[in-house]
C-alpha atoms as a PDB file:
ATOM      1  CA  MET A   1       0.000   0.000   0.000  1.00  0.00           C
ATOM      2  CA  PRO A   2       1.584   3.283  -1.092  1.00  0.00           C
ATOM      3  CA  LYS A   3       1.487   6.211   1.282  1.00  0.00           C
ATOM      4  CA  MET A   4      -0.097   9.356  -0.075  1.00  0.00           C
ATOM      5  CA  SER A   5       2.580  11.953  -0.569  1.00  0.00           C
ATOM      6  CA  ASN A   6       1.996  15.289   1.090  1.00  0.00           C
ATOM      7  CA  ASP A   7       2.221  16.989  -2.345  1.00  0.00           C
ATOM      8  CA  ILE A   8      -0.603  14.886  -3.787  1.00  0.00           C
ATOM      9  CA  ARG A   9      -2.682  15.278  -0.623  1.00  0.00           C
ATOM     10  CA  GLU A  10      -2.163  19.058  -0.692  1.00  0.00           C
ATOM     11  CA  ILE A  11      -3.054  19.328  -4.396  1.00  0.00           C
ATOM     12  CA  LEU A  12      -6.156  17.163  -3.971  1.00  0.00           C
ATOM     13  CA  SER A  13      -7.239  19.219  -0.951  1.00  0.00           C
ATOM     14  CA  MET A  14      -6.723  22.490  -2.807  1.00  0.00           C
ATOM     15  CA  ALA A  15      -8.531  21.132  -5.867  1.00  0.00           C
ATOM     16  CA  TYR A  16     -11.430  19.977  -3.699  1.00  0.00           C
ATOM     17  CA  GLN A  17     -11.722  23.440  -2.153  1.00  0.00           C
ATOM     18  CA  VAL A  18     -11.778  24.989  -5.646  1.00  0.00           C
ATOM     19  CA  GLU A  19     -14.747  22.773  -6.469  1.00  0.00           C
ATOM     20  CA  VAL A  20     -16.518  23.553  -3.182  1.00  0.00           C
ATOM     21  CA  ASP A  21     -16.127  27.272  -3.888  1.00  0.00           C
ATOM     22  CA  GLY A  22     -17.458  26.873  -7.426  1.00  0.00           C
ATOM     23  CA  TYR A  23     -20.405  24.774  -6.281  1.00  0.00           C
ATOM     24  CA  THR A  24     -21.287  27.230  -3.518  1.00  0.00           C
ATOM     25  CA  PHE A  25     -21.168  30.232  -5.845  1.00  0.00           C
ATOM     26  CA  TYR A  26     -23.029  28.616  -8.747  1.00  0.00           C
ATOM     27  CA  SER A  27     -25.728  27.256  -6.425  1.00  0.00           C
ATOM     28  CA  MET A  28     -26.277  30.679  -4.867  1.00  0.00           C
ATOM     29  CA  VAL A  29     -26.540  32.292  -8.301  1.00  0.00           C
ATOM     30  CA  ALA A  30     -28.974  29.626  -9.537  1.00  0.00           C
ATOM     31  CA  ASP A  31     -31.131  30.167  -6.440  1.00  0.00           C
ATOM     32  CA  GLN A  32     -31.098  33.964  -6.727  1.00  0.00           C
ATOM     33  CA  ALA A  33     -31.359  34.385 -10.502  1.00  0.00           C
ATOM     34  CA  LYS A  34     -34.751  35.583 -11.637  1.00  0.00           C
ATOM     35  CA  GLN A  35     -34.616  34.256 -15.190  1.00  0.00           C
ATOM     36  CA  PRO A  36     -35.086  30.538 -16.024  1.00  0.00           C
ATOM     37  CA  ALA A  37     -32.276  30.365 -18.609  1.00  0.00           C
ATOM     38  CA  VAL A  38     -29.828  31.913 -16.144  1.00  0.00           C
ATOM     39  CA  GLN A  39     -30.993  29.583 -13.365  1.00  0.00           C
ATOM     40  CA  GLU A  40     -30.577  26.588 -15.664  1.00  0.00           C
ATOM     41  CA  LEU A  41     -27.029  27.530 -16.652  1.00  0.00           C
ATOM     42  CA  PHE A  42     -25.790  28.084 -13.110  1.00  0.00           C
ATOM     43  CA  ASP A  43     -27.566  24.965 -11.872  1.00  0.00           C
ATOM     44  CA  LYS A  44     -25.718  22.960 -14.543  1.00  0.00           C
ATOM     45  CA  LEU A  45     -22.398  24.499 -13.497  1.00  0.00           C
ATOM     46  CA  ALA A  46     -23.129  23.642  -9.836  1.00  0.00           C
ATOM     47  CA  ARG A  47     -23.901  20.025 -10.794  1.00  0.00           C
ATOM     48  CA  ASP A  48     -20.611  19.796 -12.702  1.00  0.00           C
ATOM     49  CA  GLU A  49     -18.717  21.072  -9.666  1.00  0.00           C
ATOM     50  CA  THR A  50     -20.437  18.394  -7.564  1.00  0.00           C
ATOM     51  CA  GLU A  51     -19.237  15.764 -10.015  1.00  0.00           C
ATOM     52  CA  HIS A  52     -15.696  17.152  -9.814  1.00  0.00           C
ATOM     53  CA  LYS A  53     -15.857  16.979  -6.011  1.00  0.00           C
ATOM     54  CA  ALA A  54     -16.917  13.333  -6.233  1.00  0.00           C
ATOM     55  CA  TYR A  55     -13.994  12.547  -8.564  1.00  0.00           C
ATOM     56  CA  LEU A  56     -11.529  14.193  -6.214  1.00  0.00           C
ATOM     57  CA  LYS A  57     -12.992  12.508  -3.137  1.00  0.00           C
ATOM     58  CA  SER A  58     -12.837   9.116  -4.845  1.00  0.00           C
ATOM     59  CA  VAL A  59      -9.194   9.618  -5.750  1.00  0.00           C
ATOM     60  CA  MET A  60      -8.328  10.751  -2.227  1.00  0.00           C
ATOM     61  CA  MET A  61     -10.078   7.764  -0.653  1.00  0.00           C
ATOM     62  CA  ASN A  62      -8.538   5.206  -3.025  1.00  0.00           C
ATOM     63  CA  TYR A  63      -5.010   6.542  -3.374  1.00  0.00           C
ATOM     64  CA  GLU A  64      -3.678   4.909  -0.190  1.00  0.00           C
ATOM     65  CA  GLU A  65      -4.669   1.486  -1.497  1.00  0.00           C
ATOM     66  CA  LYS A  66      -4.299   1.830  -5.261  1.00  0.00           C
ATOM     67  CA  GLY A  67      -1.578   4.409  -5.695  1.00  0.00           C
ATOM     68  CA  THR A  68      -1.688   6.331  -8.977  1.00  0.00           C
ATOM     69  CA  GLU A  69      -4.202   3.804 -10.317  1.00  0.00           C
ATOM     70  CA  ALA A  70      -6.754   5.680  -8.169  1.00  0.00           C
ATOM     71  CA  PHE A  71      -6.554   8.530 -10.682  1.00  0.00           C
ATOM     72  CA  ASN A  72      -7.972   6.281 -13.436  1.00  0.00           C
ATOM     73  CA  ILE A  73     -11.606   6.746 -12.548  1.00  0.00           C
ATOM     74  CA  GLY A  74     -14.479   6.797 -14.997  1.00  0.00           C
ATOM     75  CA  LYS A  75     -14.324  10.274 -16.452  1.00  0.00           C
ATOM     76  CA  ARG A  76     -17.008  11.660 -18.703  1.00  0.00           C
ATOM     77  CA  ASP A  77     -16.421  14.009 -21.580  1.00  0.00           C
ATOM     78  CA  PRO A  78     -17.224  17.647 -20.963  1.00  0.00           C
ATOM     79  CA  VAL A  79     -20.508  18.458 -22.667  1.00  0.00           C
ATOM     80  CA  LEU A  80     -21.034  21.974 -21.367  1.00  0.00           C
ATOM     81  CA  LYS A  81     -20.208  23.437 -24.772  1.00  0.00           C
ATOM     82  CA  ASP A  82     -23.253  21.716 -26.266  1.00  0.00           C
ATOM     83  CA  PHE A  83     -25.324  22.790 -23.285  1.00  0.00           C
ATOM     84  CA  ALA A  84     -24.144  26.403 -23.564  1.00  0.00           C
ATOM     85  CA  ALA A  85     -24.955  26.444 -27.272  1.00  0.00           C
ATOM     86  CA  THR A  86     -28.576  25.739 -26.350  1.00  0.00           C
ATOM     87  CA  ILE A  87     -28.539  28.507 -23.725  1.00  0.00           C
ATOM     88  CA  VAL A  88     -26.941  31.267 -25.831  1.00  0.00           C
ATOM     89  CA  THR A  89     -30.174  32.057 -27.548  1.00  0.00           C
ATOM     90  CA  GLU A  90     -32.251  35.129 -28.099  1.00  0.00           C
ATOM     91  CA  LYS A  91     -34.272  34.016 -25.057  1.00  0.00           C
ATOM     92  CA  PHE A  92     -31.176  34.015 -22.847  1.00  0.00           C
ATOM     93  CA  LYS A  93     -30.039  37.377 -24.232  1.00  0.00           C
ATOM     94  CA  LYS A  94     -33.472  38.828 -23.604  1.00  0.00           C
ATOM     95  CA  GLU A  95     -33.659  37.399 -20.077  1.00  0.00           C
ATOM     96  CA  ALA A  96     -30.176  38.615 -19.119  1.00  0.00           C
ATOM     97  CA  GLN A  97     -30.476  42.014 -20.833  1.00  0.00           C
ATOM     98  CA  GLY A  98     -29.691  44.799 -18.389  1.00  0.00           C
ATOM     99  CA  ALA A  99     -29.412  42.356 -15.500  1.00  0.00           C
ATOM    100  CA  GLU A 100     -26.604  43.544 -13.256  1.00  0.00           C
ATOM    101  CA  PHE A 101     -26.793  40.492 -11.018  1.00  0.00           C
ATOM    102  CA  GLU A 102     -26.419  38.079 -13.938  1.00  0.00           C
ATOM    103  CA  MET A 103     -23.591  40.075 -15.518  1.00  0.00           C
ATOM    104  CA  GLY A 104     -21.748  40.175 -12.201  1.00  0.00           C
ATOM    105  CA  ALA A 105     -22.305  36.447 -11.711  1.00  0.00           C
ATOM    106  CA  LEU A 106     -20.890  35.710 -15.174  1.00  0.00           C
ATOM    107  CA  SER A 107     -17.812  37.819 -14.385  1.00  0.00           C
ATOM    108  CA  ILE A 108     -17.219  36.157 -11.023  1.00  0.00           C
ATOM    109  CA  GLY A 109     -17.809  32.751 -12.580  1.00  0.00           C
ATOM    110  CA  MET A 110     -15.127  33.495 -15.203  1.00  0.00           C
ATOM    111  CA  THR A 111     -12.701  34.380 -12.413  1.00  0.00           C
ATOM    112  CA  LEU A 112     -13.485  31.161 -10.519  1.00  0.00           C
ATOM    113  CA  GLU A 113     -12.988  29.082 -13.658  1.00  0.00           C
ATOM    114  CA  THR A 114      -9.723  30.842 -14.513  1.00  0.00           C
ATOM    115  CA  ASN A 115      -8.441  30.094 -11.012  1.00  0.00           C
ATOM    116  CA  ALA A 116      -9.559  26.452 -11.245  1.00  0.00           C
ATOM    117  CA  ILE A 117      -7.819  26.033 -14.602  1.00  0.00           C
ATOM    118  CA  LYS A 118      -4.626  27.353 -13.059  1.00  0.00           C
ATOM    119  CA  VAL A 119      -4.833  25.019 -10.057  1.00  0.00           C
ATOM    120  CA  PHE A 120      -5.439  21.932 -12.212  1.00  0.00           C
ATOM    121  CA  SER A 121      -2.963  22.892 -14.956  1.00  0.00           C
ATOM    122  CA  ASP A 122      -0.251  23.576 -12.386  1.00  0.00           C
ATOM    123  CA  ALA A 123      -1.002  20.252 -10.685  1.00  0.00           C
ATOM    124  CA  ALA A 124      -0.745  18.458 -14.047  1.00  0.00           C
ATOM    125  CA  ARG A 125       2.568  20.153 -14.828  1.00  0.00           C
ATOM    126  CA  ASN A 126       4.034  19.395 -11.418  1.00  0.00           C
ATOM    127  CA  THR A 127       3.674  15.621 -11.434  1.00  0.00           C
ATOM    128  CA  ASP A 128       5.761  12.911 -12.997  1.00  0.00           C
ATOM    129  CA  GLU A 129       2.960  10.335 -12.825  1.00  0.00           C
ATOM    130  CA  LYS A 130       1.133   9.897 -16.148  1.00  0.00           C
ATOM    131  CA  GLU A 131      -2.205   8.931 -14.557  1.00  0.00           C
ATOM    132  CA  VAL A 132      -2.104  11.868 -12.169  1.00  0.00           C
ATOM    133  CA  ARG A 133      -1.167  14.309 -14.941  1.00  0.00           C
ATOM    134  CA  GLU A 134      -3.983  13.052 -17.210  1.00  0.00           C
ATOM    135  CA  PHE A 135      -6.519  13.324 -14.390  1.00  0.00           C
ATOM    136  CA  TYR A 136      -5.625  16.920 -13.571  1.00  0.00           C
ATOM    137  CA  GLN A 137      -5.485  17.838 -17.256  1.00  0.00           C
ATOM    138  CA  PHE A 138      -8.967  16.344 -17.684  1.00  0.00           C
ATOM    139  CA  LEU A 139     -10.252  18.583 -14.878  1.00  0.00           C
ATOM    140  CA  ALA A 140      -8.442  21.627 -16.325  1.00  0.00           C
ATOM    141  CA  ASP A 141     -10.007  20.956 -19.734  1.00  0.00           C
ATOM    142  CA  TRP A 142     -13.443  20.617 -18.154  1.00  0.00           C
ATOM    143  CA  GLU A 143     -12.985  23.941 -16.390  1.00  0.00           C
ATOM    144  CA  LYS A 144     -11.893  25.477 -19.721  1.00  0.00           C
ATOM    145  CA  GLU A 145     -15.233  24.391 -21.174  1.00  0.00           C
ATOM    146  CA  HIS A 146     -16.942  26.199 -18.292  1.00  0.00           C
ATOM    147  CA  LEU A 147     -14.798  29.294 -18.846  1.00  0.00           C
ATOM    148  CA  ASN A 148     -15.380  29.344 -22.608  1.00  0.00           C
ATOM    149  CA  SER A 149     -19.130  29.013 -22.114  1.00  0.00           C
ATOM    150  CA  LEU A 150     -19.226  31.789 -19.531  1.00  0.00           C
ATOM    151  CA  GLN A 151     -17.104  34.036 -21.771  1.00  0.00           C
ATOM    152  CA  ASP A 152     -19.432  33.408 -24.712  1.00  0.00           C
ATOM    153  CA  LEU A 153     -22.467  34.217 -22.590  1.00  0.00           C
ATOM    154  CA  HIS A 154     -20.822  37.315 -21.150  1.00  0.00           C
ATOM    155  CA  LYS A 155     -19.888  38.563 -24.602  1.00  0.00           C
ATOM    156  CA  SER A 156     -23.367  37.888 -25.976  1.00  0.00           C
ATOM    157  CA  VAL A 157     -25.097  40.068 -23.377  1.00  0.00           C
ATOM    158  CA  ARG A 158     -22.391  42.664 -22.649  1.00  0.00           C
ATOM    159  CA  GLN A 159     -23.302  45.103 -25.427  1.00  0.00           C
ATOM    160  CA  ASP A 160     -26.976  45.045 -24.477  1.00  0.00           C
ATOM    161  CA  PHE A 161     -26.023  45.435 -20.809  1.00  0.00           C
ATOM    162  CA  TRP A 162     -23.911  48.501 -21.574  1.00  0.00           C
ATOM    163  CA  ALA A 163     -26.598  50.033 -23.764  1.00  0.00           C
ATOM    164  CA  GLU A 164     -29.271  49.390 -21.132  1.00  0.00           C
ATOM    165  CA  GLY A 165     -27.081  51.105 -18.525  1.00  0.00           C
ATOM    166  CA  GLY A 166     -26.378  54.088 -20.764  1.00  0.00           C
ATOM    167  CA  PHE A 167     -22.693  53.209 -20.968  1.00  0.00           C
ATOM    168  CA  SER A 168     -20.871  53.194 -24.266  1.00  0.00           C
ATOM    169  CA  PRO A 169     -17.125  52.590 -23.946  1.00  0.00           C
ATOM    170  CA  PHE A 170     -14.900  54.361 -26.414  1.00  0.00           C
END
C-alpha cells in the first residue's frame, strides 16, 4: 500500500476546495437568478462542480490502497459546450439584458474558472505520474469548457447590458 505523498494530498485538498467554492457560488446564483435560462445555466455548473468533487474525493479515498491507479476513474467528456450552445439564444439574451446580477455572476464565474484552470494545470505540470497528470489535465479541460461558455455568454449580453445602462465605452 503506497502512502499518499503530502504533495498529492495538498493538491487534492486544494482542488477539492476549488470545487466547493465553485459549487457554492453557482448554487447561490442559480437560487437567486430571476430568469429561467440563467438559473438553468448556473444549476448545470453547480452540478458539474459536484461531479468534480466526487472525482476528487474518490481519488483521495482510493489513493492509499491503489496508488496512482486511483486517478484512473471513470471520467465523462465535458458536454457543457453543447449545453451552452442551447442557452446562448435570443431568449437568454433577452432574459439577461440589463441584468446587473447576472452580468456580475458571469464575471465572477469566469474568475473562478480561470483560477480552477490554473490550479489543475499547475497540478498536471508538477507531477511525474502519467495517470495523475492526465486526471488533472482532464479537470483543467473541463474547467476550460466552463470558462469558454461563460465568456461566450458574457460577450453575448455585454453590449446590451452597456446600452441598457447608458454606458458606451470608447
